[in-house]
Amino acid sequence: MSSRPISQEMPIVETERLILRGHRLDDFENCLALWADPVVTRYIGGKPFSAEEVWARLLRYVGHWTLLGFGFWAIEDKAAGSFVGELGFAESIRKTIRLCASPKNAAIARRGGLSTKGSR
């Protein structure tokens, strides 16, 4: 792994309907609701996440951007100004980089494909 300067800049990406931005401390409650949803976690660990696990996830998101220069964004619906999920890239210990999207609930996921639009 190359030595990179540490950066805390998380780019903001805007589409017609979405704002993808770095996570903030005040996103914790929304992230907790997202990762406590059994529908969201069904194929990601198979069980809802605890508050401690979600807190670690939030810290990991910031760490990805800081150390690697890429990571996850919080997704906001522009019209409503509300948190609707997460989208981003993760590097695992297996040295793979993957694109992941986690809509806040199934209704949001179906309503116009926010995860698909955000990944473009």
C-alpha atoms as a PDB file:
ATOM      1  CA  MET A   1       0.000   0.000   0.000  1.00  0.00           C
ATOM      2  CA  SER A   2       1.347   3.402  -0.899  1.00  0.00           C
ATOM      3  CA  SER A   3       1.785   6.164   1.599  1.00  0.00           C
ATOM      4  CA  ARG A   4      -0.854   8.821   0.950  1.00  0.00           C
ATOM      5  CA  PRO A   5      -1.268  12.164   2.607  1.00  0.00           C
ATOM      6  CA  ILE A   6      -4.128  12.134   5.075  1.00  0.00           C
ATOM      7  CA  SER A   7      -7.130  13.970   3.684  1.00  0.00           C
ATOM      8  CA  GLN A   8     -10.451  14.715   5.303  1.00  0.00           C
ATOM      9  CA  GLU A   9     -12.156  16.041   2.214  1.00  0.00           C
ATOM     10  CA  MET A  10     -15.262  14.167   1.203  1.00  0.00           C
ATOM     11  CA  PRO A  11     -16.603  15.373  -2.114  1.00  0.00           C
ATOM     12  CA  ILE A  12     -20.246  16.356  -2.361  1.00  0.00           C
ATOM     13  CA  VAL A  13     -22.018  14.917  -5.390  1.00  0.00           C
ATOM     14  CA  GLU A  14     -25.362  16.322  -6.511  1.00  0.00           C
ATOM     15  CA  THR A  15     -27.787  14.828  -8.976  1.00  0.00           C
ATOM     16  CA  GLU A  16     -31.200  16.082  -9.973  1.00  0.00           C
ATOM     17  CA  ARG A  17     -32.794  14.359  -6.958  1.00  0.00           C
ATOM     18  CA  LEU A  18     -29.980  13.484  -4.565  1.00  0.00           C
ATOM     19  CA  ILE A  19     -27.141  14.938  -2.554  1.00  0.00           C
ATOM     20  CA  LEU A  20     -24.321  12.544  -1.676  1.00  0.00           C
ATOM     21  CA  ARG A  21     -22.259  13.978   1.171  1.00  0.00           C
ATOM     22  CA  GLY A  22     -19.967  12.862   3.938  1.00  0.00           C
ATOM     23  CA  HIS A  23     -21.513  11.499   7.105  1.00  0.00           C
ATOM     24  CA  ARG A  24     -21.939  13.830  10.070  1.00  0.00           C
ATOM     25  CA  LEU A  25     -22.375  13.099  13.768  1.00  0.00           C
ATOM     26  CA  ASP A  26     -26.034  14.000  13.514  1.00  0.00           C
ATOM     27  CA  ASP A  27     -26.500  11.154  10.993  1.00  0.00           C
ATOM     28  CA  PHE A  28     -26.040   8.585  13.752  1.00  0.00           C
ATOM     29  CA  GLU A  29     -29.753   8.172  14.577  1.00  0.00           C
ATOM     30  CA  ASN A  30     -30.639   7.763  10.892  1.00  0.00           C
ATOM     31  CA  CYS A  31     -27.800   5.274  10.414  1.00  0.00           C
ATOM     32  CA  LEU A  32     -28.962   3.382  13.476  1.00  0.00           C
ATOM     33  CA  ALA A  33     -32.506   3.158  12.081  1.00  0.00           C
ATOM     34  CA  LEU A  34     -31.123   2.027   8.722  1.00  0.00           C
ATOM     35  CA  TRP A  35     -28.871  -0.715  10.101  1.00  0.00           C
ATOM     36  CA  ALA A  36     -31.442  -1.880  12.675  1.00  0.00           C
ATOM     37  CA  ASP A  37     -33.850  -2.705   9.836  1.00  0.00           C
ATOM     38  CA  PRO A  38     -33.887  -6.494   9.209  1.00  0.00           C
ATOM     39  CA  VAL A  39     -34.760  -5.890   5.539  1.00  0.00           C
ATOM     40  CA  VAL A  40     -31.545  -3.898   5.057  1.00  0.00           C
ATOM     41  CA  THR A  41     -29.343  -6.362   6.952  1.00  0.00           C
ATOM     42  CA  ARG A  42     -30.888  -9.527   5.538  1.00  0.00           C
ATOM     43  CA  TYR A  43     -27.958 -10.106   3.162  1.00  0.00           C
ATOM     44  CA  ILE A  44     -25.392  -8.116   5.141  1.00  0.00           C
ATOM     45  CA  GLY A  45     -24.661 -10.141   8.228  1.00  0.00           C
ATOM     46  CA  GLY A  46     -28.198 -11.480   8.530  1.00  0.00           C
ATOM     47  CA  LYS A  47     -29.160  -9.566  11.670  1.00  0.00           C
ATOM     48  CA  PRO A  48     -29.804  -5.964  12.668  1.00  0.00           C
ATOM     49  CA  PHE A  49     -26.778  -4.046  13.925  1.00  0.00           C
ATOM     50  CA  SER A  50     -26.394  -2.787  17.482  1.00  0.00           C
ATOM     51  CA  ALA A  51     -25.797   0.874  18.297  1.00  0.00           C
ATOM     52  CA  GLU A  52     -22.118   0.066  18.942  1.00  0.00           C
ATOM     53  CA  GLU A  53     -21.773  -1.630  15.547  1.00  0.00           C
ATOM     54  CA  VAL A  54     -23.402   1.324  13.789  1.00  0.00           C
ATOM     55  CA  TRP A  55     -21.111   3.749  15.643  1.00  0.00           C
ATOM     56  CA  ALA A  56     -18.082   1.727  14.472  1.00  0.00           C
ATOM     57  CA  ARG A  57     -19.468   1.784  10.925  1.00  0.00           C
ATOM     58  CA  LEU A  58     -19.859   5.574  11.039  1.00  0.00           C
ATOM     59  CA  LEU A  59     -16.252   5.947  12.214  1.00  0.00           C
ATOM     60  CA  ARG A  60     -15.114   3.548   9.471  1.00  0.00           C
ATOM     61  CA  TYR A  61     -16.794   5.709   6.835  1.00  0.00           C
ATOM     62  CA  VAL A  62     -14.814   8.753   7.944  1.00  0.00           C
ATOM     63  CA  GLY A  63     -11.639   6.660   8.114  1.00  0.00           C
ATOM     64  CA  HIS A  64     -12.058   5.440   4.532  1.00  0.00           C
ATOM     65  CA  TRP A  65     -12.124   9.008   3.233  1.00  0.00           C
ATOM     66  CA  THR A  66      -9.338  10.155   5.518  1.00  0.00           C
ATOM     67  CA  LEU A  67      -6.879   7.354   4.805  1.00  0.00           C
ATOM     68  CA  LEU A  68      -7.869   6.055   1.370  1.00  0.00           C
ATOM     69  CA  GLY A  69      -9.465   9.024  -0.369  1.00  0.00           C
ATOM     70  CA  PHE A  70     -12.760   7.218  -1.075  1.00  0.00           C
ATOM     71  CA  GLY A  71     -15.615   5.762   0.917  1.00  0.00           C
ATOM     72  CA  PHE A  72     -19.311   6.081   1.665  1.00  0.00           C
ATOM     73  CA  TRP A  73     -21.639   9.017   1.318  1.00  0.00           C
ATOM     74  CA  ALA A  74     -24.845   9.725   3.172  1.00  0.00           C
ATOM     75  CA  ILE A  75     -27.664  10.082   0.631  1.00  0.00           C
ATOM     76  CA  GLU A  76     -30.110  12.943   1.043  1.00  0.00           C
ATOM     77  CA  ASP A  77     -33.303  13.390  -0.917  1.00  0.00           C
ATOM     78  CA  LYS A  78     -33.021  16.962  -2.232  1.00  0.00           C
ATOM     79  CA  ALA A  79     -36.741  17.681  -2.230  1.00  0.00           C
ATOM     80  CA  ALA A  80     -37.360  16.424   1.303  1.00  0.00           C
ATOM     81  CA  GLY A  81     -33.939  17.290   2.728  1.00  0.00           C
ATOM     82  CA  SER A  82     -33.932  13.926   4.475  1.00  0.00           C
ATOM     83  CA  PHE A  83     -31.469  11.071   4.906  1.00  0.00           C
ATOM     84  CA  VAL A  84     -32.484   8.167   2.655  1.00  0.00           C
ATOM     85  CA  GLY A  85     -29.508   5.824   2.841  1.00  0.00           C
ATOM     86  CA  GLU A  86     -25.835   5.309   2.108  1.00  0.00           C
ATOM     87  CA  LEU A  87     -23.820   4.650  -1.005  1.00  0.00           C
ATOM     88  CA  GLY A  88     -20.153   4.198  -1.602  1.00  0.00           C
ATOM     89  CA  PHE A  89     -17.029   2.188  -2.064  1.00  0.00           C
ATOM     90  CA  ALA A  90     -15.305   0.086   0.559  1.00  0.00           C
ATOM     91  CA  GLU A  91     -11.926  -1.597   0.589  1.00  0.00           C
ATOM     92  CA  SER A  92     -11.935  -4.752   2.614  1.00  0.00           C
ATOM     93  CA  ILE A  93      -9.095  -6.699   4.132  1.00  0.00           C
ATOM     94  CA  ARG A  94      -9.440  -9.024   1.130  1.00  0.00           C
ATOM     95  CA  LYS A  95      -8.142  -6.167  -1.042  1.00  0.00           C
ATOM     96  CA  THR A  96     -11.392  -5.845  -2.943  1.00  0.00           C
ATOM     97  CA  ILE A  97     -13.195  -2.630  -3.605  1.00  0.00           C
ATOM     98  CA  ARG A  98     -16.968  -2.870  -3.777  1.00  0.00           C
ATOM     99  CA  LEU A  99     -19.859  -0.565  -4.490  1.00  0.00           C
ATOM    100  CA  CYS A 100     -22.555  -0.769  -1.830  1.00  0.00           C
ATOM    101  CA  ALA A 101     -25.912   0.923  -1.461  1.00  0.00           C
ATOM    102  CA  SER A 102     -28.208   0.773   1.539  1.00  0.00           C
ATOM    103  CA  PRO A 103     -31.523   2.559   1.105  1.00  0.00           C
ATOM    104  CA  LYS A 104     -33.237   3.489   4.361  1.00  0.00           C
ATOM    105  CA  ASN A 105     -36.237   1.311   3.592  1.00  0.00           C
ATOM    106  CA  ALA A 106     -37.693  -0.811   0.831  1.00  0.00           C
ATOM    107  CA  ALA A 107     -40.250   1.826  -0.158  1.00  0.00           C
ATOM    108  CA  ILE A 108     -37.490   4.341  -0.789  1.00  0.00           C
ATOM    109  CA  ALA A 109     -35.507   1.787  -2.771  1.00  0.00           C
ATOM    110  CA  ARG A 110     -38.466   1.128  -5.053  1.00  0.00           C
ATOM    111  CA  ARG A 111     -39.379   4.797  -5.456  1.00  0.00           C
ATOM    112  CA  GLY A 112     -37.363   5.687  -8.487  1.00  0.00           C
ATOM    113  CA  GLY A 113     -34.231   3.627  -7.838  1.00  0.00           C
ATOM    114  CA  LEU A 114     -32.351   6.092  -5.624  1.00  0.00           C
ATOM    115  CA  SER A 115     -29.448   3.692  -5.127  1.00  0.00           C
ATOM    116  CA  THR A 116     -29.099   3.138  -8.852  1.00  0.00           C
ATOM    117  CA  LYS A 117     -29.249   6.856  -9.607  1.00  0.00           C
ATOM    118  CA  GLY A 118     -26.748   7.644  -6.871  1.00  0.00           C
ATOM    119  CA  SER A 119     -24.237   5.111  -8.188  1.00  0.00           C
ATOM    120  CA  ARG A 120     -24.196   6.706 -11.616  1.00  0.00           C
END
